[in-house]
Amino acid sequence: MATMKSELVRPFVVVEGMSSSGKSTAVRGMDKYLVDWVKVREPGGTEFGDLIRTVVQQTEFGHPVDPLAAFLGYSASRAQLVSEVIMPQLVDGENVISDRWWYSSYAYQGGGEGLDRGFIRAVSLKVTRGLVPLTLFFDLVPEVVLERRGAKDDLDRYDLQAIDFFARVRQAYLELGEQVDHWRVIDASQSRDKVVQDCLEVLCEYGLVRI
């Protein structure tokens, strides 16, 4: 499969990885360096997108969600986020950091649920207007994901999957990391402080923060 060679959109940063990998915690840990940054999350980030997130992910509705339906729902949410928030902020010269990107669909719906990854990539590149962020991938083995899952109160339907699901998700992430530019791996099994330090060093390397 061909790699995706594209110019980095500055300053646009994405944190990626499986649930419980510590992405959100690390972003909070970098707060004093990201004071003026616009912070968004996926899925959601807009009123429209938050509704889709709730319907697709939450277990309270008691119905299975087809992987294609989930991907298209997330894509609709993503398109709105790009149009309503990310693009206008970047055009205005603001720094943007997003908790997840279309790479999550590649890993979860593609790797975890078996949806065609070429299809996911093609649609997602259209939806996101080809934006290429600097990506910090929080890598964590499935066994640790399951250990950390026990401490969560707000489990969604993906959190409840078995270990083989997370193994497929991780493998898809690793595969994707060989195809896209500006992808940096963060060892998410380390202490919170070390993870934050590693993230800041990458951002510093790209000239996005000073430490």
N, C-alpha and C. Protein backbone atom coordinates (compact mmCIF):
# COMPACT_ATOMS: atom_id res chain seq x y z
N MET A 1 0.84 -1.19 0.00
CA MET A 1 0.00 0.00 0.00
C MET A 1 0.88 1.24 0.00
N ALA A 2 0.50 2.21 -0.80
CA ALA A 2 1.32 3.41 -0.93
C ALA A 2 1.28 4.23 0.35
N THR A 3 2.40 4.87 0.63
CA THR A 3 2.45 5.76 1.78
C THR A 3 1.80 7.08 1.43
N MET A 4 1.36 7.81 2.46
CA MET A 4 0.72 9.10 2.26
C MET A 4 1.73 10.19 2.55
N LYS A 5 2.38 10.67 1.51
CA LYS A 5 3.39 11.70 1.65
C LYS A 5 2.75 13.07 1.44
N SER A 6 2.66 13.84 2.48
CA SER A 6 2.01 15.14 2.39
C SER A 6 2.72 16.12 3.31
N GLU A 7 2.52 17.39 3.01
CA GLU A 7 3.13 18.43 3.82
C GLU A 7 2.37 18.60 5.12
N LEU A 8 3.10 18.73 6.20
CA LEU A 8 2.51 18.93 7.51
C LEU A 8 1.76 20.25 7.57
N VAL A 9 0.54 20.19 8.14
CA VAL A 9 -0.21 21.41 8.39
C VAL A 9 0.23 21.95 9.75
N ARG A 10 0.78 23.14 9.77
CA ARG A 10 1.24 23.75 11.02
C ARG A 10 0.29 24.87 11.44
N PRO A 11 0.03 24.99 12.73
CA PRO A 11 0.37 24.06 13.79
C PRO A 11 -0.87 23.21 14.13
N PHE A 12 -0.93 22.00 13.64
CA PHE A 12 -2.05 21.09 13.88
C PHE A 12 -1.49 19.78 14.41
N VAL A 13 -1.87 19.43 15.63
CA VAL A 13 -1.35 18.24 16.30
C VAL A 13 -2.51 17.33 16.67
N VAL A 14 -2.28 16.03 16.53
CA VAL A 14 -3.27 15.02 16.89
C VAL A 14 -2.65 14.05 17.89
N VAL A 15 -3.41 13.71 18.93
CA VAL A 15 -3.00 12.63 19.83
C VAL A 15 -3.89 11.43 19.52
N GLU A 16 -3.27 10.29 19.29
CA GLU A 16 -3.99 9.08 18.88
C GLU A 16 -3.63 7.91 19.77
N GLY A 17 -4.48 6.90 19.74
CA GLY A 17 -4.21 5.68 20.49
C GLY A 17 -5.48 5.06 21.02
N MET A 18 -5.33 3.87 21.58
CA MET A 18 -6.49 3.17 22.10
C MET A 18 -7.02 3.84 23.36
N SER A 19 -8.27 3.56 23.67
CA SER A 19 -8.87 4.04 24.90
C SER A 19 -8.02 3.57 26.08
N SER A 20 -7.86 4.43 27.06
CA SER A 20 -7.07 4.17 28.27
C SER A 20 -5.56 4.28 28.04
N SER A 21 -5.16 4.79 26.88
CA SER A 21 -3.73 4.95 26.62
C SER A 21 -3.15 6.21 27.26
N GLY A 22 -4.02 7.08 27.78
CA GLY A 22 -3.54 8.27 28.48
C GLY A 22 -3.44 9.52 27.64
N LYS A 23 -4.08 9.54 26.48
CA LYS A 23 -4.00 10.71 25.59
C LYS A 23 -4.50 11.99 26.28
N SER A 24 -5.73 11.90 26.77
CA SER A 24 -6.35 13.09 27.37
C SER A 24 -5.58 13.55 28.60
N THR A 25 -5.10 12.60 29.39
CA THR A 25 -4.32 12.93 30.58
C THR A 25 -3.04 13.66 30.20
N ALA A 26 -2.39 13.20 29.13
CA ALA A 26 -1.15 13.84 28.69
C ALA A 26 -1.40 15.26 28.19
N VAL A 27 -2.49 15.45 27.47
CA VAL A 27 -2.82 16.80 26.99
C VAL A 27 -3.02 17.74 28.17
N ARG A 28 -3.73 17.26 29.19
CA ARG A 28 -3.90 18.09 30.40
C ARG A 28 -2.56 18.36 31.06
N GLY A 29 -1.66 17.39 31.01
CA GLY A 29 -0.34 17.56 31.60
C GLY A 29 0.51 18.58 30.87
N MET A 30 0.15 18.87 29.62
CA MET A 30 0.89 19.86 28.83
C MET A 30 0.21 21.22 28.82
N ASP A 31 -0.81 21.39 29.64
CA ASP A 31 -1.65 22.59 29.61
C ASP A 31 -0.86 23.89 29.63
N LYS A 32 0.15 23.98 30.48
CA LYS A 32 0.85 25.27 30.59
C LYS A 32 1.65 25.60 29.34
N TYR A 33 1.89 24.59 28.50
CA TYR A 33 2.59 24.83 27.23
C TYR A 33 1.60 25.04 26.08
N LEU A 34 0.33 24.74 26.34
CA LEU A 34 -0.68 24.81 25.28
C LEU A 34 -1.78 25.80 25.64
N VAL A 35 -1.42 26.84 26.37
CA VAL A 35 -2.40 27.79 26.89
C VAL A 35 -3.24 28.40 25.78
N ASP A 36 -2.63 28.78 24.69
CA ASP A 36 -3.34 29.47 23.62
C ASP A 36 -3.84 28.52 22.53
N TRP A 37 -3.69 27.23 22.75
CA TRP A 37 -4.09 26.26 21.73
C TRP A 37 -5.60 26.00 21.80
N VAL A 38 -6.18 25.74 20.63
CA VAL A 38 -7.57 25.31 20.55
C VAL A 38 -7.59 23.79 20.69
N LYS A 39 -8.33 23.29 21.67
CA LYS A 39 -8.37 21.85 21.94
C LYS A 39 -9.72 21.29 21.52
N VAL A 40 -9.68 20.25 20.69
CA VAL A 40 -10.91 19.60 20.24
C VAL A 40 -10.79 18.10 20.45
N ARG A 41 -11.91 17.42 20.37
CA ARG A 41 -11.89 15.97 20.52
C ARG A 41 -12.75 15.32 19.44
N GLU A 42 -12.41 14.06 19.17
CA GLU A 42 -13.20 13.24 18.26
C GLU A 42 -13.60 11.97 18.99
N PRO A 43 -14.73 11.38 18.58
CA PRO A 43 -15.78 12.03 17.79
C PRO A 43 -16.49 13.09 18.62
N GLY A 44 -17.02 14.07 17.93
CA GLY A 44 -17.68 15.17 18.61
C GLY A 44 -16.99 16.48 18.31
N GLY A 45 -16.92 17.34 19.31
CA GLY A 45 -16.27 18.63 19.14
C GLY A 45 -17.19 19.73 18.63
N THR A 46 -18.39 19.33 18.21
CA THR A 46 -19.43 20.28 17.82
C THR A 46 -20.75 19.74 18.37
N GLU A 47 -21.77 20.56 18.38
CA GLU A 47 -23.07 20.09 18.88
C GLU A 47 -23.57 18.92 18.03
N PHE A 48 -23.44 19.04 16.73
CA PHE A 48 -23.84 17.97 15.81
C PHE A 48 -23.02 16.71 16.06
N GLY A 49 -21.71 16.87 16.17
CA GLY A 49 -20.84 15.72 16.36
C GLY A 49 -21.03 15.03 17.69
N ASP A 50 -21.33 15.79 18.74
CA ASP A 50 -21.55 15.19 20.05
C ASP A 50 -22.79 14.29 20.05
N LEU A 51 -23.81 14.67 19.30
CA LEU A 51 -25.00 13.82 19.18
C LEU A 51 -24.66 12.50 18.52
N ILE A 52 -23.86 12.55 17.46
CA ILE A 52 -23.45 11.33 16.78
C ILE A 52 -22.62 10.45 17.70
N ARG A 53 -21.71 11.05 18.43
CA ARG A 53 -20.88 10.30 19.37
C ARG A 53 -21.73 9.51 20.36
N THR A 54 -22.74 10.18 20.90
CA THR A 54 -23.59 9.53 21.89
C THR A 54 -24.34 8.35 21.29
N VAL A 55 -24.92 8.53 20.13
CA VAL A 55 -25.72 7.47 19.50
C VAL A 55 -24.87 6.27 19.11
N VAL A 56 -23.68 6.52 18.57
CA VAL A 56 -22.85 5.42 18.06
C VAL A 56 -22.14 4.68 19.18
N GLN A 57 -21.66 5.38 20.19
CA GLN A 57 -20.76 4.76 21.16
C GLN A 57 -21.42 4.25 22.43
N GLN A 58 -22.46 4.90 22.90
CA GLN A 58 -22.96 4.56 24.23
C GLN A 58 -23.73 3.25 24.24
N THR A 59 -23.61 2.53 25.33
CA THR A 59 -24.25 1.22 25.46
C THR A 59 -25.71 1.32 25.87
N GLU A 60 -26.14 2.47 26.32
CA GLU A 60 -27.49 2.61 26.88
C GLU A 60 -28.59 2.38 25.86
N PHE A 61 -28.26 2.52 24.56
CA PHE A 61 -29.28 2.35 23.54
C PHE A 61 -29.58 0.88 23.27
N GLY A 62 -28.66 0.00 23.66
CA GLY A 62 -28.92 -1.43 23.62
C GLY A 62 -29.03 -2.04 22.23
N HIS A 63 -28.46 -1.41 21.23
CA HIS A 63 -28.53 -1.99 19.89
C HIS A 63 -27.13 -2.03 19.28
N PRO A 64 -26.87 -3.06 18.46
CA PRO A 64 -25.56 -3.12 17.80
C PRO A 64 -25.47 -2.06 16.70
N VAL A 65 -24.28 -1.57 16.46
CA VAL A 65 -24.06 -0.58 15.41
C VAL A 65 -23.17 -1.20 14.35
N ASP A 66 -23.66 -1.25 13.13
CA ASP A 66 -22.89 -1.81 12.03
C ASP A 66 -21.60 -1.00 11.84
N PRO A 67 -20.46 -1.66 11.58
CA PRO A 67 -19.20 -0.93 11.41
C PRO A 67 -19.26 0.16 10.33
N LEU A 68 -19.95 -0.13 9.23
CA LEU A 68 -20.07 0.88 8.17
C LEU A 68 -20.89 2.07 8.66
N ALA A 69 -21.98 1.78 9.38
CA ALA A 69 -22.80 2.86 9.93
C ALA A 69 -22.00 3.70 10.92
N ALA A 70 -21.20 3.01 11.75
CA ALA A 70 -20.37 3.74 12.72
C ALA A 70 -19.37 4.63 12.00
N PHE A 71 -18.71 4.09 10.99
CA PHE A 71 -17.71 4.88 10.27
C PHE A 71 -18.33 6.09 9.58
N LEU A 72 -19.47 5.89 8.94
CA LEU A 72 -20.12 7.00 8.25
C LEU A 72 -20.61 8.05 9.26
N GLY A 73 -21.07 7.58 10.41
CA GLY A 73 -21.47 8.53 11.46
C GLY A 73 -20.29 9.35 11.94
N TYR A 74 -19.19 8.66 12.22
CA TYR A 74 -17.99 9.36 12.66
C TYR A 74 -17.47 10.30 11.58
N SER A 75 -17.59 9.89 10.33
CA SER A 75 -17.13 10.74 9.23
C SER A 75 -17.96 12.01 9.14
N ALA A 76 -19.28 11.88 9.36
CA ALA A 76 -20.14 13.06 9.36
C ALA A 76 -19.75 14.00 10.50
N SER A 77 -19.51 13.43 11.67
CA SER A 77 -19.06 14.23 12.81
C SER A 77 -17.74 14.92 12.50
N ARG A 78 -16.84 14.17 11.88
CA ARG A 78 -15.49 14.68 11.55
C ARG A 78 -15.58 15.82 10.53
N ALA A 79 -16.43 15.64 9.53
CA ALA A 79 -16.59 16.68 8.51
C ALA A 79 -17.07 17.98 9.13
N GLN A 80 -18.01 17.87 10.06
CA GLN A 80 -18.53 19.07 10.73
C GLN A 80 -17.46 19.73 11.58
N LEU A 81 -16.67 18.92 12.28
CA LEU A 81 -15.60 19.46 13.12
C LEU A 81 -14.56 20.20 12.28
N VAL A 82 -14.19 19.61 11.16
CA VAL A 82 -13.21 20.25 10.28
C VAL A 82 -13.76 21.57 9.74
N SER A 83 -15.01 21.53 9.28
CA SER A 83 -15.62 22.71 8.67
C SER A 83 -15.91 23.82 9.69
N GLU A 84 -16.42 23.42 10.85
CA GLU A 84 -16.89 24.40 11.84
C GLU A 84 -15.79 24.93 12.75
N VAL A 85 -14.80 24.08 13.04
CA VAL A 85 -13.81 24.46 14.04
C VAL A 85 -12.38 24.46 13.51
N ILE A 86 -11.91 23.30 13.04
CA ILE A 86 -10.49 23.15 12.75
C ILE A 86 -10.01 24.08 11.63
N MET A 87 -10.67 24.03 10.48
CA MET A 87 -10.23 24.86 9.36
C MET A 87 -10.29 26.36 9.68
N PRO A 88 -11.40 26.86 10.23
CA PRO A 88 -11.43 28.29 10.56
C PRO A 88 -10.33 28.71 11.53
N GLN A 89 -10.04 27.86 12.52
CA GLN A 89 -9.00 28.20 13.48
C GLN A 89 -7.62 28.20 12.83
N LEU A 90 -7.35 27.22 11.98
CA LEU A 90 -6.06 27.18 11.30
C LEU A 90 -5.90 28.36 10.36
N VAL A 91 -6.97 28.71 9.66
CA VAL A 91 -6.93 29.86 8.75
C VAL A 91 -6.64 31.14 9.53
N ASP A 92 -7.16 31.22 10.75
CA ASP A 92 -6.93 32.40 11.60
C ASP A 92 -5.56 32.37 12.28
N GLY A 93 -4.78 31.32 12.01
CA GLY A 93 -3.44 31.24 12.57
C GLY A 93 -3.37 30.66 13.97
N GLU A 94 -4.45 30.02 14.41
CA GLU A 94 -4.47 29.44 15.75
C GLU A 94 -3.82 28.06 15.76
N ASN A 95 -3.30 27.67 16.91
CA ASN A 95 -2.76 26.32 17.11
C ASN A 95 -3.90 25.39 17.51
N VAL A 96 -3.96 24.22 16.91
CA VAL A 96 -5.04 23.27 17.18
C VAL A 96 -4.47 21.92 17.58
N ILE A 97 -5.02 21.33 18.64
CA ILE A 97 -4.67 19.97 19.02
C ILE A 97 -5.96 19.17 19.17
N SER A 98 -6.00 18.00 18.53
CA SER A 98 -7.20 17.17 18.52
C SER A 98 -6.95 15.83 19.19
N ASP A 99 -7.85 15.46 20.08
CA ASP A 99 -7.84 14.14 20.69
C ASP A 99 -8.56 13.20 19.72
N ARG A 100 -7.80 12.51 18.90
CA ARG A 100 -8.21 11.60 17.82
C ARG A 100 -8.38 12.32 16.48
N TRP A 101 -8.30 11.51 15.43
CA TRP A 101 -8.42 11.96 14.05
C TRP A 101 -9.02 10.79 13.28
N TRP A 102 -9.04 10.85 11.95
CA TRP A 102 -9.64 9.74 11.21
C TRP A 102 -8.85 8.45 11.38
N TYR A 103 -7.65 8.56 11.90
CA TYR A 103 -6.84 7.38 12.16
C TYR A 103 -7.54 6.42 13.13
N SER A 104 -8.39 6.94 14.00
CA SER A 104 -9.14 6.09 14.92
C SER A 104 -10.13 5.20 14.16
N SER A 105 -10.75 5.74 13.13
CA SER A 105 -11.66 4.93 12.32
C SER A 105 -10.90 3.83 11.59
N TYR A 106 -9.72 4.17 11.10
CA TYR A 106 -8.89 3.18 10.42
C TYR A 106 -8.58 2.03 11.37
N ALA A 107 -8.26 2.36 12.62
CA ALA A 107 -7.88 1.34 13.59
C ALA A 107 -9.09 0.59 14.15
N TYR A 108 -10.12 1.32 14.55
CA TYR A 108 -11.26 0.69 15.22
C TYR A 108 -12.23 0.03 14.25
N GLN A 109 -12.75 0.79 13.28
CA GLN A 109 -13.67 0.18 12.32
C GLN A 109 -12.93 -0.69 11.31
N GLY A 110 -11.72 -0.26 10.92
CA GLY A 110 -10.94 -1.04 9.97
C GLY A 110 -10.27 -2.24 10.60
N GLY A 111 -9.39 -1.99 11.57
CA GLY A 111 -8.68 -3.09 12.21
C GLY A 111 -9.55 -3.91 13.13
N GLY A 112 -10.26 -3.24 14.02
CA GLY A 112 -11.05 -3.95 15.02
C GLY A 112 -12.27 -4.63 14.46
N GLU A 113 -12.98 -3.95 13.55
CA GLU A 113 -14.27 -4.48 13.07
C GLU A 113 -14.24 -4.96 11.63
N GLY A 114 -13.10 -4.86 10.97
CA GLY A 114 -12.95 -5.48 9.66
C GLY A 114 -13.46 -4.71 8.46
N LEU A 115 -13.79 -3.44 8.63
CA LEU A 115 -14.22 -2.63 7.48
C LEU A 115 -13.02 -2.37 6.58
N ASP A 116 -13.26 -2.30 5.28
CA ASP A 116 -12.18 -2.13 4.32
C ASP A 116 -11.37 -0.86 4.61
N ARG A 117 -10.08 -1.03 4.83
CA ARG A 117 -9.25 0.10 5.24
C ARG A 117 -8.96 1.06 4.09
N GLY A 118 -8.90 0.54 2.88
CA GLY A 118 -8.71 1.41 1.73
C GLY A 118 -9.89 2.35 1.56
N PHE A 119 -11.08 1.82 1.78
CA PHE A 119 -12.31 2.63 1.72
C PHE A 119 -12.28 3.69 2.81
N ILE A 120 -11.91 3.29 4.02
CA ILE A 120 -11.84 4.25 5.14
C ILE A 120 -10.87 5.38 4.82
N ARG A 121 -9.72 5.02 4.30
CA ARG A 121 -8.72 6.04 4.00
C ARG A 121 -9.20 7.00 2.91
N ALA A 122 -9.79 6.44 1.85
CA ALA A 122 -10.24 7.28 0.73
C ALA A 122 -11.31 8.28 1.18
N VAL A 123 -12.30 7.79 1.91
CA VAL A 123 -13.37 8.67 2.38
C VAL A 123 -12.82 9.70 3.36
N SER A 124 -11.96 9.25 4.26
CA SER A 124 -11.45 10.13 5.32
C SER A 124 -10.60 11.26 4.77
N LEU A 125 -9.82 10.99 3.75
CA LEU A 125 -9.01 12.05 3.16
C LEU A 125 -9.87 13.14 2.54
N LYS A 126 -11.03 12.74 1.99
CA LYS A 126 -11.98 13.73 1.47
C LYS A 126 -12.61 14.52 2.62
N VAL A 127 -13.05 13.79 3.63
CA VAL A 127 -13.74 14.40 4.76
C VAL A 127 -12.86 15.41 5.48
N THR A 128 -11.58 15.08 5.63
CA THR A 128 -10.66 15.94 6.38
C THR A 128 -9.89 16.91 5.47
N ARG A 129 -10.27 16.97 4.21
CA ARG A 129 -9.67 17.89 3.24
C ARG A 129 -8.16 17.71 3.11
N GLY A 130 -7.71 16.49 3.36
CA GLY A 130 -6.31 16.18 3.19
C GLY A 130 -5.39 16.77 4.24
N LEU A 131 -5.95 17.28 5.33
CA LEU A 131 -5.11 17.86 6.39
C LEU A 131 -4.18 16.80 6.97
N VAL A 132 -2.92 17.13 7.08
CA VAL A 132 -1.93 16.20 7.65
C VAL A 132 -1.37 16.80 8.94
N PRO A 133 -1.71 16.22 10.09
CA PRO A 133 -1.22 16.75 11.36
C PRO A 133 0.09 16.09 11.78
N LEU A 134 0.71 16.67 12.77
CA LEU A 134 1.74 15.96 13.51
C LEU A 134 1.00 15.05 14.48
N THR A 135 1.26 13.75 14.40
CA THR A 135 0.52 12.79 15.21
C THR A 135 1.41 12.18 16.29
N LEU A 136 0.92 12.23 17.52
CA LEU A 136 1.56 11.56 18.64
C LEU A 136 0.73 10.31 18.92
N PHE A 137 1.27 9.15 18.57
CA PHE A 137 0.55 7.89 18.77
C PHE A 137 0.94 7.27 20.10
N PHE A 138 -0.02 7.15 20.99
CA PHE A 138 0.20 6.57 22.31
C PHE A 138 0.08 5.05 22.21
N ASP A 139 1.21 4.39 22.16
CA ASP A 139 1.22 2.94 21.95
C ASP A 139 1.13 2.21 23.28
N LEU A 140 0.21 1.25 23.33
CA LEU A 140 -0.02 0.48 24.55
C LEU A 140 -0.46 -0.92 24.16
N VAL A 141 0.10 -1.94 24.79
CA VAL A 141 -0.29 -3.32 24.46
C VAL A 141 -1.68 -3.59 25.00
N PRO A 142 -2.43 -4.49 24.35
CA PRO A 142 -3.83 -4.75 24.75
C PRO A 142 -3.99 -5.17 26.20
N GLU A 143 -3.03 -5.93 26.72
CA GLU A 143 -3.14 -6.38 28.11
C GLU A 143 -3.22 -5.20 29.08
N VAL A 144 -2.43 -4.18 28.83
CA VAL A 144 -2.45 -3.00 29.71
C VAL A 144 -3.71 -2.18 29.48
N VAL A 145 -4.19 -2.15 28.25
CA VAL A 145 -5.47 -1.48 27.97
C VAL A 145 -6.57 -2.06 28.84
N LEU A 146 -6.63 -3.39 28.90
CA LEU A 146 -7.67 -4.04 29.70
C LEU A 146 -7.48 -3.78 31.19
N GLU A 147 -6.24 -3.74 31.64
CA GLU A 147 -5.98 -3.44 33.05
C GLU A 147 -6.48 -2.04 33.41
N ARG A 148 -6.18 -1.09 32.56
CA ARG A 148 -6.57 0.30 32.85
C ARG A 148 -8.08 0.50 32.70
N ARG A 149 -8.69 -0.32 31.86
CA ARG A 149 -10.12 -0.19 31.61
C ARG A 149 -10.93 -0.34 32.90
N GLY A 150 -10.43 -1.15 33.81
CA GLY A 150 -11.16 -1.40 35.05
C GLY A 150 -11.35 -0.18 35.91
N ALA A 151 -10.53 0.84 35.69
CA ALA A 151 -10.62 2.07 36.50
C ALA A 151 -11.56 3.11 35.88
N LYS A 152 -12.10 2.82 34.70
CA LYS A 152 -12.96 3.79 34.02
C LYS A 152 -14.41 3.64 34.47
N ASP A 153 -15.10 4.76 34.59
CA ASP A 153 -16.51 4.74 34.97
C ASP A 153 -17.43 4.84 33.76
N ASP A 154 -16.95 5.46 32.70
CA ASP A 154 -17.80 5.76 31.54
C ASP A 154 -17.44 4.87 30.35
N LEU A 155 -17.61 3.58 30.50
CA LEU A 155 -17.26 2.65 29.43
C LEU A 155 -18.23 2.77 28.26
N ASP A 156 -17.69 2.81 27.03
CA ASP A 156 -18.54 2.78 25.86
C ASP A 156 -18.46 1.39 25.23
N ARG A 157 -19.14 1.21 24.11
CA ARG A 157 -19.23 -0.15 23.55
C ARG A 157 -17.88 -0.66 23.05
N TYR A 158 -16.96 0.22 22.71
CA TYR A 158 -15.63 -0.23 22.29
C TYR A 158 -14.80 -0.66 23.50
N ASP A 159 -14.97 0.02 24.62
CA ASP A 159 -14.24 -0.35 25.83
C ASP A 159 -14.57 -1.77 26.27
N LEU A 160 -15.74 -2.25 25.92
CA LEU A 160 -16.21 -3.55 26.40
C LEU A 160 -15.76 -4.71 25.53
N GLN A 161 -14.98 -4.44 24.50
CA GLN A 161 -14.52 -5.49 23.59
C GLN A 161 -13.45 -6.36 24.26
N ALA A 162 -13.24 -7.56 23.67
CA ALA A 162 -12.26 -8.52 24.20
C ALA A 162 -10.85 -8.16 23.73
N ILE A 163 -9.87 -8.86 24.28
CA ILE A 163 -8.47 -8.53 24.03
C ILE A 163 -8.09 -8.68 22.56
N ASP A 164 -8.69 -9.65 21.85
CA ASP A 164 -8.33 -9.84 20.44
C ASP A 164 -8.75 -8.64 19.60
N PHE A 165 -9.83 -7.98 19.99
CA PHE A 165 -10.26 -6.76 19.30
C PHE A 165 -9.18 -5.68 19.43
N PHE A 166 -8.69 -5.48 20.63
CA PHE A 166 -7.67 -4.45 20.85
C PHE A 166 -6.34 -4.81 20.18
N ALA A 167 -6.07 -6.10 20.06
CA ALA A 167 -4.86 -6.52 19.33
C ALA A 167 -4.97 -6.13 17.87
N ARG A 168 -6.14 -6.30 17.28
CA ARG A 168 -6.35 -5.91 15.88
C ARG A 168 -6.28 -4.39 15.71
N VAL A 169 -6.86 -3.68 16.67
CA VAL A 169 -6.82 -2.21 16.63
C VAL A 169 -5.38 -1.72 16.68
N ARG A 170 -4.61 -2.26 17.60
CA ARG A 170 -3.21 -1.83 17.73
C ARG A 170 -2.43 -2.14 16.46
N GLN A 171 -2.65 -3.31 15.89
CA GLN A 171 -1.93 -3.68 14.68
C GLN A 171 -2.26 -2.73 13.53
N ALA A 172 -3.52 -2.32 13.45
CA ALA A 172 -3.92 -1.37 12.41
C ALA A 172 -3.26 -0.01 12.62
N TYR A 173 -3.16 0.42 13.86
CA TYR A 173 -2.46 1.67 14.15
C TYR A 173 -0.99 1.58 13.71
N LEU A 174 -0.34 0.47 14.05
CA LEU A 174 1.07 0.32 13.70
C LEU A 174 1.25 0.28 12.18
N GLU A 175 0.31 -0.36 11.51
CA GLU A 175 0.34 -0.40 10.04
C GLU A 175 0.20 1.00 9.47
N LEU A 176 -0.75 1.76 10.01
CA LEU A 176 -0.99 3.12 9.53
C LEU A 176 0.22 4.01 9.76
N GLY A 177 0.90 3.79 10.87
CA GLY A 177 2.07 4.60 11.18
C GLY A 177 3.18 4.48 10.16
N GLU A 178 3.17 3.39 9.39
CA GLU A 178 4.16 3.21 8.33
C GLU A 178 3.74 3.86 7.03
N GLN A 179 2.50 4.37 6.98
CA GLN A 179 1.96 4.93 5.74
C GLN A 179 1.85 6.45 5.75
N VAL A 180 1.76 7.04 6.93
CA VAL A 180 1.55 8.49 7.00
C VAL A 180 2.80 9.20 7.50
N ASP A 181 2.94 10.43 7.09
CA ASP A 181 4.07 11.25 7.53
C ASP A 181 3.79 11.86 8.90
N HIS A 182 4.86 12.31 9.54
CA HIS A 182 4.77 13.06 10.80
C HIS A 182 4.03 12.27 11.88
N TRP A 183 4.38 11.00 11.98
CA TRP A 183 3.78 10.08 12.96
C TRP A 183 4.86 9.70 13.96
N ARG A 184 4.66 10.07 15.21
CA ARG A 184 5.65 9.79 16.25
C ARG A 184 5.03 8.90 17.32
N VAL A 185 5.75 7.86 17.69
CA VAL A 185 5.25 6.89 18.66
C VAL A 185 5.68 7.29 20.08
N ILE A 186 4.70 7.31 20.97
CA ILE A 186 4.94 7.59 22.39
C ILE A 186 4.67 6.30 23.17
N ASP A 187 5.61 5.88 23.99
CA ASP A 187 5.43 4.69 24.82
C ASP A 187 4.47 5.04 25.96
N ALA A 188 3.21 4.63 25.82
CA ALA A 188 2.19 5.02 26.78
C ALA A 188 2.20 4.17 28.05
N SER A 189 3.11 3.20 28.13
CA SER A 189 3.20 2.39 29.35
C SER A 189 4.05 3.07 30.42
N GLN A 190 4.70 4.17 30.06
CA GLN A 190 5.56 4.89 30.99
C GLN A 190 4.73 5.70 31.99
N SER A 191 5.41 6.30 32.94
CA SER A 191 4.73 7.17 33.90
C SER A 191 4.12 8.37 33.18
N ARG A 192 3.13 8.97 33.82
CA ARG A 192 2.48 10.14 33.22
C ARG A 192 3.49 11.24 32.93
N ASP A 193 4.38 11.50 33.86
CA ASP A 193 5.35 12.58 33.67
C ASP A 193 6.29 12.29 32.50
N LYS A 194 6.69 11.03 32.34
CA LYS A 194 7.60 10.68 31.24
C LYS A 194 6.88 10.78 29.91
N VAL A 195 5.61 10.38 29.88
CA VAL A 195 4.82 10.49 28.65
C VAL A 195 4.69 11.96 28.25
N VAL A 196 4.36 12.81 29.21
CA VAL A 196 4.24 14.24 28.93
C VAL A 196 5.56 14.80 28.43
N GLN A 197 6.64 14.41 29.07
CA GLN A 197 7.97 14.87 28.65
C GLN A 197 8.27 14.46 27.21
N ASP A 198 7.97 13.21 26.87
CA ASP A 198 8.23 12.73 25.50
C ASP A 198 7.40 13.51 24.49
N CYS A 199 6.15 13.79 24.83
CA CYS A 199 5.30 14.56 23.93
C CYS A 199 5.85 15.97 23.72
N LEU A 200 6.25 16.60 24.80
CA LEU A 200 6.78 17.96 24.71
C LEU A 200 8.07 18.01 23.90
N GLU A 201 8.88 16.98 24.02
CA GLU A 201 10.13 16.94 23.24
C GLU A 201 9.85 16.88 21.75
N VAL A 202 8.81 16.13 21.36
CA VAL A 202 8.44 16.08 19.94
C VAL A 202 7.91 17.43 19.49
N LEU A 203 7.04 18.03 20.28
CA LEU A 203 6.50 19.34 19.92
C LEU A 203 7.60 20.38 19.83
N CYS A 204 8.57 20.28 20.72
CA CYS A 204 9.71 21.19 20.70
C CYS A 204 10.54 20.97 19.44
N GLU A 205 10.73 19.72 19.08
CA GLU A 205 11.50 19.38 17.87
C GLU A 205 10.88 20.01 16.63
N TYR A 206 9.54 20.07 16.62
CA TYR A 206 8.82 20.65 15.49
C TYR A 206 8.65 22.17 15.63
N GLY A 207 9.20 22.73 16.68
CA GLY A 207 9.12 24.17 16.87
C GLY A 207 7.77 24.67 17.32
N LEU A 208 6.97 23.81 17.95
CA LEU A 208 5.61 24.19 18.34
C LEU A 208 5.51 24.66 19.78
N VAL A 209 6.46 24.25 20.63
CA VAL A 209 6.52 24.74 22.01
C VAL A 209 7.98 24.94 22.39
N ARG A 210 8.18 25.64 23.49
CA ARG A 210 9.52 25.77 24.08
C ARG A 210 9.49 25.19 25.48
N ILE A 211 10.46 24.36 25.79
CA ILE A 211 10.51 23.75 27.12
C ILE A 211 11.86 24.03 27.78
